[in-house]
């Protein structure tokens, strides 16, 4: 497994855990608020993944 795939896998697992905890009212955080605040991190992650893949070639 490449590092980019691992990072995205961990990201989606954590996102799923967050949604599950919110659905069970264990935490009170709006998913929309999280995405609005952290959308630049998604772009940064995509950029790092692209750069990392291009370096391997």
PDB file of N, CA and C in Angstrom:
ATOM      1  N   UNK A   1       0.854  -1.182   0.000  1.00  0.00           N
ATOM      2  CA  UNK A   1       0.000   0.000   0.000  1.00  0.00           C
ATOM      3  C   UNK A   1       0.892   1.234   0.000  1.00  0.00           C
ATOM      4  N   UNK A   2       0.546   2.186  -0.849  1.00  0.00           N
ATOM      5  CA  UNK A   2       1.354   3.403  -0.886  1.00  0.00           C
ATOM      6  C   UNK A   2       0.935   4.360   0.230  1.00  0.00           C
ATOM      7  N   UNK A   3       1.795   5.317   0.502  1.00  0.00           N
ATOM      8  CA  UNK A   3       1.566   6.242   1.606  1.00  0.00           C
ATOM      9  C   UNK A   3       0.322   7.090   1.380  1.00  0.00           C
ATOM     10  N   UNK A   4       0.089   7.518   0.130  1.00  0.00           N
ATOM     11  CA  UNK A   4      -1.093   8.318  -0.180  1.00  0.00           C
ATOM     12  C   UNK A   4      -2.375   7.563   0.113  1.00  0.00           C
ATOM     13  N   UNK A   5      -2.401   6.294  -0.255  1.00  0.00           N
ATOM     14  CA  UNK A   5      -3.575   5.469   0.011  1.00  0.00           C
ATOM     15  C   UNK A   5      -3.805   5.281   1.495  1.00  0.00           C
ATOM     16  N   UNK A   6      -2.738   5.155   2.244  1.00  0.00           N
ATOM     17  CA  UNK A   6      -2.841   5.003   3.685  1.00  0.00           C
ATOM     18  C   UNK A   6      -3.400   6.267   4.330  1.00  0.00           C
ATOM     19  N   UNK A   7      -2.904   7.412   3.886  1.00  0.00           N
ATOM     20  CA  UNK A   7      -3.372   8.685   4.443  1.00  0.00           C
ATOM     21  C   UNK A   7      -4.850   8.878   4.162  1.00  0.00           C
ATOM     22  N   UNK A   8      -5.256   8.628   2.904  1.00  0.00           N
ATOM     23  CA  UNK A   8      -6.669   8.800   2.574  1.00  0.00           C
ATOM     24  C   UNK A   8      -7.525   7.776   3.302  1.00  0.00           C
ATOM     25  N   UNK A   9      -7.031   6.578   3.475  1.00  0.00           N
ATOM     26  CA  UNK A   9      -7.775   5.571   4.224  1.00  0.00           C
ATOM     27  C   UNK A   9      -8.009   6.000   5.663  1.00  0.00           C
ATOM     28  N   UNK A  10      -6.967   6.508   6.308  1.00  0.00           N
ATOM     29  CA  UNK A  10      -7.090   6.983   7.682  1.00  0.00           C
ATOM     30  C   UNK A  10      -8.056   8.172   7.750  1.00  0.00           C
ATOM     31  N   UNK A  11      -7.958   9.072   6.766  1.00  0.00           N
ATOM     32  CA  UNK A  11      -8.850  10.234   6.730  1.00  0.00           C
ATOM     33  C   UNK A  11     -10.307   9.794   6.682  1.00  0.00           C
ATOM     34  N   UNK A  12     -10.636   8.862   5.788  1.00  0.00           N
ATOM     35  CA  UNK A  12     -12.021   8.429   5.657  1.00  0.00           C
ATOM     36  C   UNK A  12     -12.492   7.629   6.869  1.00  0.00           C
ATOM     37  N   UNK A  13     -11.621   6.871   7.487  1.00  0.00           N
ATOM     38  CA  UNK A  13     -11.983   6.150   8.711  1.00  0.00           C
ATOM     39  C   UNK A  13     -12.331   7.143   9.820  1.00  0.00           C
ATOM     40  N   UNK A  14     -11.474   8.162   9.998  1.00  0.00           N
ATOM     41  CA  UNK A  14     -11.737   9.165  11.033  1.00  0.00           C
ATOM     42  C   UNK A  14     -13.010   9.949  10.741  1.00  0.00           C
ATOM     43  N   UNK A  15     -13.242  10.265   9.473  1.00  0.00           N
ATOM     44  CA  UNK A  15     -14.459  10.961   9.089  1.00  0.00           C
ATOM     45  C   UNK A  15     -15.687  10.105   9.409  1.00  0.00           C
ATOM     46  N   UNK A  16     -15.606   8.826   9.104  1.00  0.00           N
ATOM     47  CA  UNK A  16     -16.711   7.913   9.406  1.00  0.00           C
ATOM     48  C   UNK A  16     -16.956   7.767  10.898  1.00  0.00           C
ATOM     49  N   UNK A  17     -15.885   7.708  11.677  1.00  0.00           N
ATOM     50  CA  UNK A  17     -16.025   7.627  13.139  1.00  0.00           C
ATOM     51  C   UNK A  17     -16.693   8.892  13.663  1.00  0.00           C
ATOM     52  N   UNK A  18     -16.279  10.045  13.133  1.00  0.00           N
ATOM     53  CA  UNK A  18     -16.883  11.306  13.559  1.00  0.00           C
ATOM     54  C   UNK A  18     -18.366  11.357  13.256  1.00  0.00           C
ATOM     55  N   UNK A  19     -18.754  10.939  12.041  1.00  0.00           N
ATOM     56  CA  UNK A  19     -20.178  10.930  11.688  1.00  0.00           C
ATOM     57  C   UNK A  19     -20.960   9.962  12.562  1.00  0.00           C
ATOM     58  N   UNK A  20     -20.373   8.808  12.853  1.00  0.00           N
ATOM     59  CA  UNK A  20     -21.052   7.828  13.699  1.00  0.00           C
ATOM     60  C   UNK A  20     -21.263   8.375  15.107  1.00  0.00           C
ATOM     61  N   UNK A  21     -20.225   8.984  15.676  1.00  0.00           N
ATOM     62  CA  UNK A  21     -20.357   9.554  17.015  1.00  0.00           C
ATOM     63  C   UNK A  21     -21.390  10.670  17.034  1.00  0.00           C
ATOM     64  N   UNK A  22     -21.456  11.442  15.958  1.00  0.00           N
ATOM     65  CA  UNK A  22     -22.452  12.506  15.884  1.00  0.00           C
ATOM     66  C   UNK A  22     -23.861  11.920  15.759  1.00  0.00           C
ATOM     67  N   UNK A  23     -24.022  10.860  14.978  1.00  0.00           N
ATOM     68  CA  UNK A  23     -25.337  10.241  14.801  1.00  0.00           C
ATOM     69  C   UNK A  23     -25.868   9.640  16.097  1.00  0.00           C
ATOM     70  N   UNK A  24     -24.977   9.154  16.947  1.00  0.00           N
ATOM     71  CA  UNK A  24     -25.382   8.598  18.234  1.00  0.00           C
ATOM     72  C   UNK A  24     -25.423   9.658  19.336  1.00  0.00           C
ATOM     73  N   UNK A  25     -25.272  10.913  18.943  1.00  0.00           N
ATOM     74  CA  UNK A  25     -25.298  12.049  19.872  1.00  0.00           C
ATOM     75  C   UNK A  25     -24.246  11.941  20.967  1.00  0.00           C
ATOM     76  N   UNK A  26     -23.145  11.300  20.675  1.00  0.00           N
ATOM     77  CA  UNK A  26     -22.036  11.228  21.617  1.00  0.00           C
ATOM     78  C   UNK A  26     -21.257  12.535  21.568  1.00  0.00           C
ATOM     79  N   UNK A  27     -21.135  13.082  20.364  1.00  0.00           N
ATOM     80  CA  UNK A  27     -20.542  14.404  20.211  1.00  0.00           C
ATOM     81  C   UNK A  27     -21.540  15.280  19.462  1.00  0.00           C
ATOM     82  N   UNK A  28     -21.467  16.584  19.676  1.00  0.00           N
ATOM     83  CA  UNK A  28     -22.395  17.498  19.025  1.00  0.00           C
ATOM     84  C   UNK A  28     -21.608  18.448  18.124  1.00  0.00           C
ATOM     85  N   UNK A  29     -21.321  17.954  16.930  1.00  0.00           N
ATOM     86  CA  UNK A  29     -20.561  18.740  15.975  1.00  0.00           C
ATOM     87  C   UNK A  29     -21.267  18.617  14.628  1.00  0.00           C
ATOM     88  N   UNK A  30     -21.515  19.729  14.004  1.00  0.00           N
ATOM     89  CA  UNK A  30     -22.141  19.699  12.692  1.00  0.00           C
ATOM     90  C   UNK A  30     -21.109  19.304  11.642  1.00  0.00           C
ATOM     91  N   UNK A  31     -21.429  18.314  10.850  1.00  0.00           N
ATOM     92  CA  UNK A  31     -20.530  17.849   9.808  1.00  0.00           C
ATOM     93  C   UNK A  31     -20.272  18.953   8.788  1.00  0.00           C
ATOM     94  N   UNK A  32     -21.283  19.715   8.485  1.00  0.00           N
ATOM     95  CA  UNK A  32     -21.119  20.823   7.535  1.00  0.00           C
ATOM     96  C   UNK A  32     -20.096  21.819   8.083  1.00  0.00           C
ATOM     97  N   UNK A  33     -20.169  22.124   9.375  1.00  0.00           N
ATOM     98  CA  UNK A  33     -19.205  23.045   9.977  1.00  0.00           C
ATOM     99  C   UNK A  33     -17.779  22.526   9.859  1.00  0.00           C
ATOM    100  N   UNK A  34     -17.606  21.249  10.065  1.00  0.00           N
ATOM    101  CA  UNK A  34     -16.270  20.653   9.963  1.00  0.00           C
ATOM    102  C   UNK A  34     -15.754  20.775   8.532  1.00  0.00           C
ATOM    103  N   UNK A  35     -16.594  20.437   7.561  1.00  0.00           N
ATOM    104  CA  UNK A  35     -16.158  20.504   6.170  1.00  0.00           C
ATOM    105  C   UNK A  35     -15.871  21.939   5.742  1.00  0.00           C
ATOM    106  N   UNK A  36     -16.669  22.887   6.225  1.00  0.00           N
ATOM    107  CA  UNK A  36     -16.448  24.292   5.872  1.00  0.00           C
ATOM    108  C   UNK A  36     -15.131  24.789   6.462  1.00  0.00           C
ATOM    109  N   UNK A  37     -14.813  24.374   7.664  1.00  0.00           N
ATOM    110  CA  UNK A  37     -13.592  24.833   8.320  1.00  0.00           C
ATOM    111  C   UNK A  37     -12.341  24.155   7.776  1.00  0.00           C
ATOM    112  N   UNK A  38     -12.443  22.886   7.408  1.00  0.00           N
ATOM    113  CA  UNK A  38     -11.251  22.115   7.076  1.00  0.00           C
ATOM    114  C   UNK A  38     -11.123  21.742   5.609  1.00  0.00           C
ATOM    115  N   UNK A  39     -11.927  22.341   4.712  1.00  0.00           N
ATOM    116  CA  UNK A  39     -11.818  21.982   3.304  1.00  0.00           C
ATOM    117  C   UNK A  39     -10.439  22.289   2.729  1.00  0.00           C
ATOM    118  N   UNK A  40      -9.729  23.320   3.204  1.00  0.00           N
ATOM    119  CA  UNK A  40      -8.374  23.528   2.655  1.00  0.00           C
ATOM    120  C   UNK A  40      -7.435  22.357   2.942  1.00  0.00           C
ATOM    121  N   UNK A  41      -7.639  21.675   4.061  1.00  0.00           N
ATOM    122  CA  UNK A  41      -6.791  20.520   4.380  1.00  0.00           C
ATOM    123  C   UNK A  41      -6.981  19.399   3.370  1.00  0.00           C
ATOM    124  N   UNK A  42      -8.192  19.273   2.859  1.00  0.00           N
ATOM    125  CA  UNK A  42      -8.449  18.262   1.840  1.00  0.00           C
ATOM    126  C   UNK A  42      -7.657  18.595   0.578  1.00  0.00           C
ATOM    127  N   UNK A  43      -7.667  19.873   0.190  1.00  0.00           N
ATOM    128  CA  UNK A  43      -6.900  20.294  -0.982  1.00  0.00           C
ATOM    129  C   UNK A  43      -5.403  20.094  -0.765  1.00  0.00           C
ATOM    130  N   UNK A  44      -4.921  20.417   0.426  1.00  0.00           N
ATOM    131  CA  UNK A  44      -3.506  20.219   0.738  1.00  0.00           C
ATOM    132  C   UNK A  44      -3.153  18.738   0.654  1.00  0.00           C
ATOM    133  N   UNK A  45      -4.012  17.901   1.199  1.00  0.00           N
ATOM    134  CA  UNK A  45      -3.773  16.460   1.145  1.00  0.00           C
ATOM    135  C   UNK A  45      -3.724  15.936  -0.274  1.00  0.00           C
ATOM    136  N   UNK A  46      -4.626  16.424  -1.125  1.00  0.00           N
ATOM    137  CA  UNK A  46      -4.621  16.008  -2.525  1.00  0.00           C
ATOM    138  C   UNK A  46      -3.330  16.465  -3.201  1.00  0.00           C
ATOM    139  N   UNK A  47      -2.913  17.705  -2.925  1.00  0.00           N
ATOM    140  CA  UNK A  47      -1.673  18.223  -3.502  1.00  0.00           C
ATOM    141  C   UNK A  47      -0.455  17.428  -3.073  1.00  0.00           C
ATOM    142  N   UNK A  48      -0.371  17.108  -1.799  1.00  0.00           N
ATOM    143  CA  UNK A  48       0.759  16.317  -1.281  1.00  0.00           C
ATOM    144  C   UNK A  48       0.760  14.933  -1.929  1.00  0.00           C
ATOM    145  N   UNK A  49      -0.410  14.359  -2.074  1.00  0.00           N
ATOM    146  CA  UNK A  49      -0.508  13.043  -2.698  1.00  0.00           C
ATOM    147  C   UNK A  49      -0.029  13.088  -4.146  1.00  0.00           C
ATOM    148  N   UNK A  50      -0.410  14.136  -4.882  1.00  0.00           N
ATOM    149  CA  UNK A  50       0.017  14.271  -6.280  1.00  0.00           C
ATOM    150  C   UNK A  50       1.531  14.435  -6.360  1.00  0.00           C
ATOM    151  N   UNK A  51       2.083  15.286  -5.515  1.00  0.00           N
ATOM    152  CA  UNK A  51       3.536  15.500  -5.510  1.00  0.00           C
ATOM    153  C   UNK A  51       4.269  14.212  -5.149  1.00  0.00           C
ATOM    154  N   UNK A  52       3.771  13.512  -4.138  1.00  0.00           N
ATOM    155  CA  UNK A  52       4.413  12.272  -3.706  1.00  0.00           C
ATOM    156  C   UNK A  52       4.405  11.230  -4.821  1.00  0.00           C
ATOM    157  N   UNK A  53       3.293  11.116  -5.529  1.00  0.00           N
ATOM    158  CA  UNK A  53       3.208  10.140  -6.613  1.00  0.00           C
ATOM    159  C   UNK A  53       4.142  10.517  -7.760  1.00  0.00           C
ATOM    160  N   UNK A  54       4.270  11.805  -8.060  1.00  0.00           N
ATOM    161  CA  UNK A  54       5.154  12.234  -9.143  1.00  0.00           C
ATOM    162  C   UNK A  54       6.628  12.042  -8.792  1.00  0.00           C
ATOM    163  N   UNK A  55       6.983  12.111  -7.530  1.00  0.00           N
ATOM    164  CA  UNK A  55       8.384  11.911  -7.107  1.00  0.00           C
ATOM    165  C   UNK A  55       8.801  10.452  -7.257  1.00  0.00           C
ATOM    166  N   UNK A  56       7.859   9.532  -7.099  1.00  0.00           N
ATOM    167  CA  UNK A  56       8.184   8.117  -7.183  1.00  0.00           C
ATOM    168  C   UNK A  56       8.542   7.698  -8.602  1.00  0.00           C
ATOM    169  N   UNK A  57       8.095   8.461  -9.598  1.00  0.00           N
ATOM    170  CA  UNK A  57       8.331   8.088 -10.997  1.00  0.00           C
ATOM    171  C   UNK A  57       9.733   8.392 -11.425  1.00  0.00           C
TER     172      UNK A  57
END
